[in-house]
Amino acid sequence: MSLSAPEICAIVTSNAVARIILDRLPKLKLEQAYLAAGAVFQPVWNFRARLPVEYGINDYDIAYFDPDLSYAAEDEVIRRGAALFADIAARIEIRNQARVHLWYPARFGAPYPRLTSCADGISRYLVACTCMGLSATGDMIAPDGYDDLWHGILRPNPRAPSLARFAAKARSYQARWPLLRVVDADGPSPLR
């Protein structure tokens, strides 16, 4: 068994915080805006583990793409988002994917390519099945599909700029969701 995009959307939006964010997201008038990362994939693991849908979600990432690379433009969006979501008791992080290459090397010690779209950024997360984004209209970004996500398979993402932090990230996920298992990217799929 696996899930479809509408089924994943239903699980994600069963989390009240995610639903509010997606309902309000169009008010920010951002190009290519998505609720991304843990706010999308972690509710699926919670569903599988029979945990509360919001369990383990440390923050709610909003990824968008704006070719304006200035800090001022991104900061203005962050401030508008802070006002829009001020009544939500959750940490919401808004980031322009067009700017990631400017700060990633200093923060993570590895080069990062200049991105061409929001989907390009989401597709580079460390763990392949976590490369997910959900738009306010229900469009999904999931370059690796949904099978590994549903089956709890953590494999390195070959599109990630550096896999140095993969093992630590995978261990962190396994500590919260013991149903998850790590598979080497070059090894046989445990689904076959």
C-alpha atoms as a PDB file:
ATOM      1  CA  MET A   1       0.000   0.000   0.000  1.00  0.00           C
ATOM      2  CA  SER A   2       1.044   3.569  -0.656  1.00  0.00           C
ATOM      3  CA  LEU A   3      -0.694   6.906  -0.562  1.00  0.00           C
ATOM      4  CA  SER A   4      -1.836   9.308  -3.242  1.00  0.00           C
ATOM      5  CA  ALA A   5      -1.305  13.063  -3.202  1.00  0.00           C
ATOM      6  CA  PRO A   6      -4.926  13.728  -2.101  1.00  0.00           C
ATOM      7  CA  GLU A   7      -4.549  11.256   0.773  1.00  0.00           C
ATOM      8  CA  ILE A   8      -1.323  12.912   1.924  1.00  0.00           C
ATOM      9  CA  CYS A   9      -2.992  16.313   1.633  1.00  0.00           C
ATOM     10  CA  ALA A  10      -5.850  15.060   3.840  1.00  0.00           C
ATOM     11  CA  ILE A  11      -3.393  13.812   6.490  1.00  0.00           C
ATOM     12  CA  VAL A  12      -1.388  17.055   6.445  1.00  0.00           C
ATOM     13  CA  THR A  13      -4.467  19.267   6.676  1.00  0.00           C
ATOM     14  CA  SER A  14      -5.844  17.240   9.572  1.00  0.00           C
ATOM     15  CA  ASN A  15      -3.222  19.224  11.519  1.00  0.00           C
ATOM     16  CA  ALA A  16      -5.009  22.484  12.432  1.00  0.00           C
ATOM     17  CA  VAL A  17      -1.808  24.568  12.220  1.00  0.00           C
ATOM     18  CA  ALA A  18      -0.960  23.300   8.740  1.00  0.00           C
ATOM     19  CA  ARG A  19      -4.540  23.854   7.602  1.00  0.00           C
ATOM     20  CA  ILE A  20      -4.514  27.470   8.842  1.00  0.00           C
ATOM     21  CA  ILE A  21      -1.156  28.132   7.187  1.00  0.00           C
ATOM     22  CA  LEU A  22      -2.356  26.730   3.862  1.00  0.00           C
ATOM     23  CA  ASP A  23      -5.639  28.663   4.100  1.00  0.00           C
ATOM     24  CA  ARG A  24      -3.793  31.947   4.662  1.00  0.00           C
ATOM     25  CA  LEU A  25      -0.776  31.334   2.419  1.00  0.00           C
ATOM     26  CA  PRO A  26      -2.319  33.004  -0.678  1.00  0.00           C
ATOM     27  CA  LYS A  27      -2.563  36.274   1.295  1.00  0.00           C
ATOM     28  CA  LEU A  28       1.233  36.526   1.159  1.00  0.00           C
ATOM     29  CA  LYS A  29       1.004  36.719  -2.663  1.00  0.00           C
ATOM     30  CA  LEU A  30       4.170  34.677  -3.150  1.00  0.00           C
ATOM     31  CA  GLU A  31       5.254  32.863  -6.284  1.00  0.00           C
ATOM     32  CA  GLN A  32       5.631  29.113  -5.939  1.00  0.00           C
ATOM     33  CA  ALA A  33       4.754  29.071  -2.226  1.00  0.00           C
ATOM     34  CA  TYR A  34       4.611  25.711  -0.433  1.00  0.00           C
ATOM     35  CA  LEU A  35       4.276  24.359   3.051  1.00  0.00           C
ATOM     36  CA  ALA A  36       7.326  22.122   3.024  1.00  0.00           C
ATOM     37  CA  ALA A  37       9.545  19.637   4.825  1.00  0.00           C
ATOM     38  CA  GLY A  38       8.518  18.286   8.235  1.00  0.00           C
ATOM     39  CA  ALA A  39       5.088  19.899   8.212  1.00  0.00           C
ATOM     40  CA  VAL A  40       4.271  17.696   5.206  1.00  0.00           C
ATOM     41  CA  PHE A  41       6.107  14.398   5.718  1.00  0.00           C
ATOM     42  CA  GLN A  42       6.000  14.078   9.507  1.00  0.00           C
ATOM     43  CA  PRO A  43       2.180  13.913   9.717  1.00  0.00           C
ATOM     44  CA  VAL A  44       2.326  10.862   7.431  1.00  0.00           C
ATOM     45  CA  TRP A  45       4.749   9.118   9.793  1.00  0.00           C
ATOM     46  CA  ASN A  46       2.530  10.156  12.710  1.00  0.00           C
ATOM     47  CA  PHE A  47      -0.487   8.652  10.966  1.00  0.00           C
ATOM     48  CA  ARG A  48       1.402   5.400  10.419  1.00  0.00           C
ATOM     49  CA  ALA A  49       2.631   5.333  14.041  1.00  0.00           C
ATOM     50  CA  ARG A  50      -0.803   6.271  15.422  1.00  0.00           C
ATOM     51  CA  LEU A  51       0.582   9.432  17.006  1.00  0.00           C
ATOM     52  CA  PRO A  52      -1.071  12.863  17.136  1.00  0.00           C
ATOM     53  CA  VAL A  53      -0.726  14.414  13.688  1.00  0.00           C
ATOM     54  CA  GLU A  54       1.332  17.350  14.995  1.00  0.00           C
ATOM     55  CA  TYR A  55       3.775  15.184  16.976  1.00  0.00           C
ATOM     56  CA  GLY A  56       7.449  15.968  16.355  1.00  0.00           C
ATOM     57  CA  ILE A  57       6.886  19.025  14.162  1.00  0.00           C
ATOM     58  CA  ASN A  58       9.369  21.598  15.443  1.00  0.00           C
ATOM     59  CA  ASP A  59       8.510  24.255  12.893  1.00  0.00           C
ATOM     60  CA  TYR A  60       6.403  24.878   9.826  1.00  0.00           C
ATOM     61  CA  ASP A  61       8.493  25.748   6.784  1.00  0.00           C
ATOM     62  CA  ILE A  62       7.133  27.909   4.010  1.00  0.00           C
ATOM     63  CA  ALA A  63       9.306  27.763   0.919  1.00  0.00           C
ATOM     64  CA  TYR A  64       8.798  30.210  -1.923  1.00  0.00           C
ATOM     65  CA  PHE A  65      10.745  31.434  -4.915  1.00  0.00           C
ATOM     66  CA  ASP A  66      11.456  35.080  -5.703  1.00  0.00           C
ATOM     67  CA  PRO A  67      14.308  36.023  -8.084  1.00  0.00           C
ATOM     68  CA  ASP A  68      14.962  39.123  -5.932  1.00  0.00           C
ATOM     69  CA  LEU A  69      18.039  37.947  -4.001  1.00  0.00           C
ATOM     70  CA  SER A  70      18.126  40.840  -1.566  1.00  0.00           C
ATOM     71  CA  TYR A  71      17.928  40.195   2.142  1.00  0.00           C
ATOM     72  CA  ALA A  72      15.519  43.148   2.386  1.00  0.00           C
ATOM     73  CA  ALA A  73      12.980  41.489   0.062  1.00  0.00           C
ATOM     74  CA  GLU A  74      13.059  38.203   1.995  1.00  0.00           C
ATOM     75  CA  ASP A  75      12.918  40.036   5.327  1.00  0.00           C
ATOM     76  CA  GLU A  76       9.841  41.938   4.155  1.00  0.00           C
ATOM     77  CA  VAL A  77       8.105  38.635   3.353  1.00  0.00           C
ATOM     78  CA  ILE A  78       9.154  37.202   6.724  1.00  0.00           C
ATOM     79  CA  ARG A  79       7.692  40.261   8.495  1.00  0.00           C
ATOM     80  CA  ARG A  80       4.412  40.029   6.545  1.00  0.00           C
ATOM     81  CA  GLY A  81       4.244  36.338   7.408  1.00  0.00           C
ATOM     82  CA  ALA A  82       4.882  37.044  11.089  1.00  0.00           C
ATOM     83  CA  ALA A  83       1.920  39.418  11.122  1.00  0.00           C
ATOM     84  CA  LEU A  84      -0.313  37.033   9.149  1.00  0.00           C
ATOM     85  CA  PHE A  85       0.441  34.074  11.420  1.00  0.00           C
ATOM     86  CA  ALA A  86       0.849  35.996  14.713  1.00  0.00           C
ATOM     87  CA  ASP A  87      -2.073  34.189  16.347  1.00  0.00           C
ATOM     88  CA  ILE A  88      -0.655  30.711  15.653  1.00  0.00           C
ATOM     89  CA  ALA A  89       1.231  29.119  18.549  1.00  0.00           C
ATOM     90  CA  ALA A  90       3.872  27.519  16.330  1.00  0.00           C
ATOM     91  CA  ARG A  91       7.228  28.489  14.855  1.00  0.00           C
ATOM     92  CA  ILE A  92       6.841  29.344  11.178  1.00  0.00           C
ATOM     93  CA  GLU A  93       9.933  29.821   9.029  1.00  0.00           C
ATOM     94  CA  ILE A  94       9.629  31.483   5.650  1.00  0.00           C
ATOM     95  CA  ARG A  95      12.555  31.201   3.214  1.00  0.00           C
ATOM     96  CA  ASN A  96      13.150  32.304  -0.352  1.00  0.00           C
ATOM     97  CA  GLN A  97      14.647  29.314  -2.153  1.00  0.00           C
ATOM     98  CA  ALA A  98      16.356  31.654  -4.636  1.00  0.00           C
ATOM     99  CA  ARG A  99      18.626  32.848  -1.787  1.00  0.00           C
ATOM    100  CA  VAL A 100      19.709  29.486  -0.305  1.00  0.00           C
ATOM    101  CA  HIS A 101      22.997  29.427  -2.206  1.00  0.00           C
ATOM    102  CA  LEU A 102      23.963  32.687  -0.479  1.00  0.00           C
ATOM    103  CA  TRP A 103      23.841  31.373   3.114  1.00  0.00           C
ATOM    104  CA  TYR A 104      24.083  27.573   2.875  1.00  0.00           C
ATOM    105  CA  PRO A 105      27.913  27.289   2.545  1.00  0.00           C
ATOM    106  CA  ALA A 106      28.530  29.363   5.695  1.00  0.00           C
ATOM    107  CA  ARG A 107      25.908  27.489   7.703  1.00  0.00           C
ATOM    108  CA  PHE A 108      26.578  23.926   6.536  1.00  0.00           C
ATOM    109  CA  GLY A 109      30.133  24.023   5.158  1.00  0.00           C
ATOM    110  CA  ALA A 110      29.265  22.796   1.661  1.00  0.00           C
ATOM    111  CA  PRO A 111      28.649  24.546  -1.646  1.00  0.00           C
ATOM    112  CA  TYR A 112      25.073  24.892  -2.836  1.00  0.00           C
ATOM    113  CA  PRO A 113      23.921  25.465  -6.411  1.00  0.00           C
ATOM    114  CA  ARG A 114      21.837  28.444  -7.363  1.00  0.00           C
ATOM    115  CA  LEU A 115      18.247  27.206  -7.528  1.00  0.00           C
ATOM    116  CA  THR A 116      15.846  27.786 -10.396  1.00  0.00           C
ATOM    117  CA  SER A 117      12.519  27.153  -8.639  1.00  0.00           C
ATOM    118  CA  CYS A 118      10.906  26.249  -5.353  1.00  0.00           C
ATOM    119  CA  ALA A 119      10.646  22.640  -6.533  1.00  0.00           C
ATOM    120  CA  ASP A 120      14.400  22.669  -7.198  1.00  0.00           C
ATOM    121  CA  GLY A 121      15.036  23.608  -3.554  1.00  0.00           C
ATOM    122  CA  ILE A 122      12.581  21.118  -2.092  1.00  0.00           C
ATOM    123  CA  SER A 123      14.106  18.364  -4.223  1.00  0.00           C
ATOM    124  CA  ARG A 124      17.494  18.791  -2.482  1.00  0.00           C
ATOM    125  CA  TYR A 125      16.597  17.865   1.109  1.00  0.00           C
ATOM    126  CA  LEU A 126      18.958  15.288   2.653  1.00  0.00           C
ATOM    127  CA  VAL A 127      16.501  12.388   2.887  1.00  0.00           C
ATOM    128  CA  ALA A 128      14.798  11.490  -0.384  1.00  0.00           C
ATOM    129  CA  CYS A 129      11.312  10.804   0.982  1.00  0.00           C
ATOM    130  CA  THR A 130      11.278  14.146   2.818  1.00  0.00           C
ATOM    131  CA  CYS A 131      11.470  16.164  -0.414  1.00  0.00           C
ATOM    132  CA  MET A 132       7.873  17.304  -0.169  1.00  0.00           C
ATOM    133  CA  GLY A 133       5.880  20.472  -0.491  1.00  0.00           C
ATOM    134  CA  LEU A 134       2.152  21.215  -0.495  1.00  0.00           C
ATOM    135  CA  SER A 135       0.629  24.358  -2.006  1.00  0.00           C
ATOM    136  CA  ALA A 136      -2.521  26.107  -0.844  1.00  0.00           C
ATOM    137  CA  THR A 137      -4.303  24.675  -3.889  1.00  0.00           C
ATOM    138  CA  GLY A 138      -3.304  21.105  -3.008  1.00  0.00           C
ATOM    139  CA  ASP A 139      -0.507  20.756  -5.568  1.00  0.00           C
ATOM    140  CA  MET A 140       2.256  18.478  -4.316  1.00  0.00           C
ATOM    141  CA  ILE A 141       5.982  18.515  -4.936  1.00  0.00           C
ATOM    142  CA  ALA A 142       7.279  14.989  -4.391  1.00  0.00           C
ATOM    143  CA  PRO A 143      10.100  14.190  -6.820  1.00  0.00           C
ATOM    144  CA  ASP A 144      10.637  10.760  -5.273  1.00  0.00           C
ATOM    145  CA  GLY A 145       6.989   9.824  -5.046  1.00  0.00           C
ATOM    146  CA  TYR A 146       5.248   8.567  -1.920  1.00  0.00           C
ATOM    147  CA  ASP A 147       6.271   4.916  -1.495  1.00  0.00           C
ATOM    148  CA  ASP A 148       9.380   5.482   0.654  1.00  0.00           C
ATOM    149  CA  LEU A 149       7.495   8.007   2.772  1.00  0.00           C
ATOM    150  CA  TRP A 150       4.621   5.613   3.435  1.00  0.00           C
ATOM    151  CA  HIS A 151       6.918   2.643   4.072  1.00  0.00           C
ATOM    152  CA  GLY A 152       9.239   4.638   6.371  1.00  0.00           C
ATOM    153  CA  ILE A 153      12.331   4.243   4.224  1.00  0.00           C
ATOM    154  CA  LEU A 154      15.089   6.793   4.709  1.00  0.00           C
ATOM    155  CA  ARG A 155      17.605   6.871   1.901  1.00  0.00           C
ATOM    156  CA  PRO A 156      20.186   9.512   0.997  1.00  0.00           C
ATOM    157  CA  ASN A 157      19.030  11.977  -1.612  1.00  0.00           C
ATOM    158  CA  PRO A 158      21.516  12.021  -4.498  1.00  0.00           C
ATOM    159  CA  ARG A 159      20.355  15.569  -5.375  1.00  0.00           C
ATOM    160  CA  ALA A 160      21.399  16.919  -1.948  1.00  0.00           C
ATOM    161  CA  PRO A 161      24.428  19.208  -2.147  1.00  0.00           C
ATOM    162  CA  SER A 162      26.151  17.289   0.663  1.00  0.00           C
ATOM    163  CA  LEU A 163      25.250  14.094   2.496  1.00  0.00           C
ATOM    164  CA  ALA A 164      27.575  14.737   5.449  1.00  0.00           C
ATOM    165  CA  ARG A 165      24.621  15.251   7.795  1.00  0.00           C
ATOM    166  CA  PHE A 166      22.473  12.382   6.448  1.00  0.00           C
ATOM    167  CA  ALA A 167      23.292   9.820   9.177  1.00  0.00           C
ATOM    168  CA  ALA A 168      22.584  12.272  11.999  1.00  0.00           C
ATOM    169  CA  LYS A 169      19.328  13.368  10.387  1.00  0.00           C
ATOM    170  CA  ALA A 170      18.212   9.766   9.846  1.00  0.00           C
ATOM    171  CA  ARG A 171      19.034   8.848  13.486  1.00  0.00           C
ATOM    172  CA  SER A 172      17.045  11.856  14.682  1.00  0.00           C
ATOM    173  CA  TYR A 173      14.025  10.737  12.676  1.00  0.00           C
ATOM    174  CA  GLN A 174      14.352   7.124  13.866  1.00  0.00           C
ATOM    175  CA  ALA A 175      14.488   8.261  17.493  1.00  0.00           C
ATOM    176  CA  ARG A 176      11.068   9.909  17.082  1.00  0.00           C
ATOM    177  CA  TRP A 177       9.558   7.340  14.705  1.00  0.00           C
ATOM    178  CA  PRO A 178      11.015   3.861  15.364  1.00  0.00           C
ATOM    179  CA  LEU A 179       9.092   2.461  12.365  1.00  0.00           C
ATOM    180  CA  LEU A 180      11.606   4.205  10.061  1.00  0.00           C
ATOM    181  CA  ARG A 181      14.589   2.364   8.595  1.00  0.00           C
ATOM    182  CA  VAL A 182      17.662   3.529   6.740  1.00  0.00           C
ATOM    183  CA  VAL A 183      18.493   2.101   3.333  1.00  0.00           C
ATOM    184  CA  ASP A 184      21.701   2.782   1.449  1.00  0.00           C
ATOM    185  CA  ALA A 185      21.048   4.643  -1.770  1.00  0.00           C
ATOM    186  CA  ASP A 186      22.967   1.985  -3.725  1.00  0.00           C
ATOM    187  CA  GLY A 187      21.384  -1.009  -2.017  1.00  0.00           C
ATOM    188  CA  PRO A 188      18.320  -2.920  -3.124  1.00  0.00           C
ATOM    189  CA  SER A 189      14.962  -1.401  -2.319  1.00  0.00           C
ATOM    190  CA  PRO A 190      13.369  -3.132   0.676  1.00  0.00           C
ATOM    191  CA  LEU A 191      10.039  -2.878  -1.155  1.00  0.00           C
ATOM    192  CA  ARG A 192      11.068  -5.362  -3.808  1.00  0.00           C
END
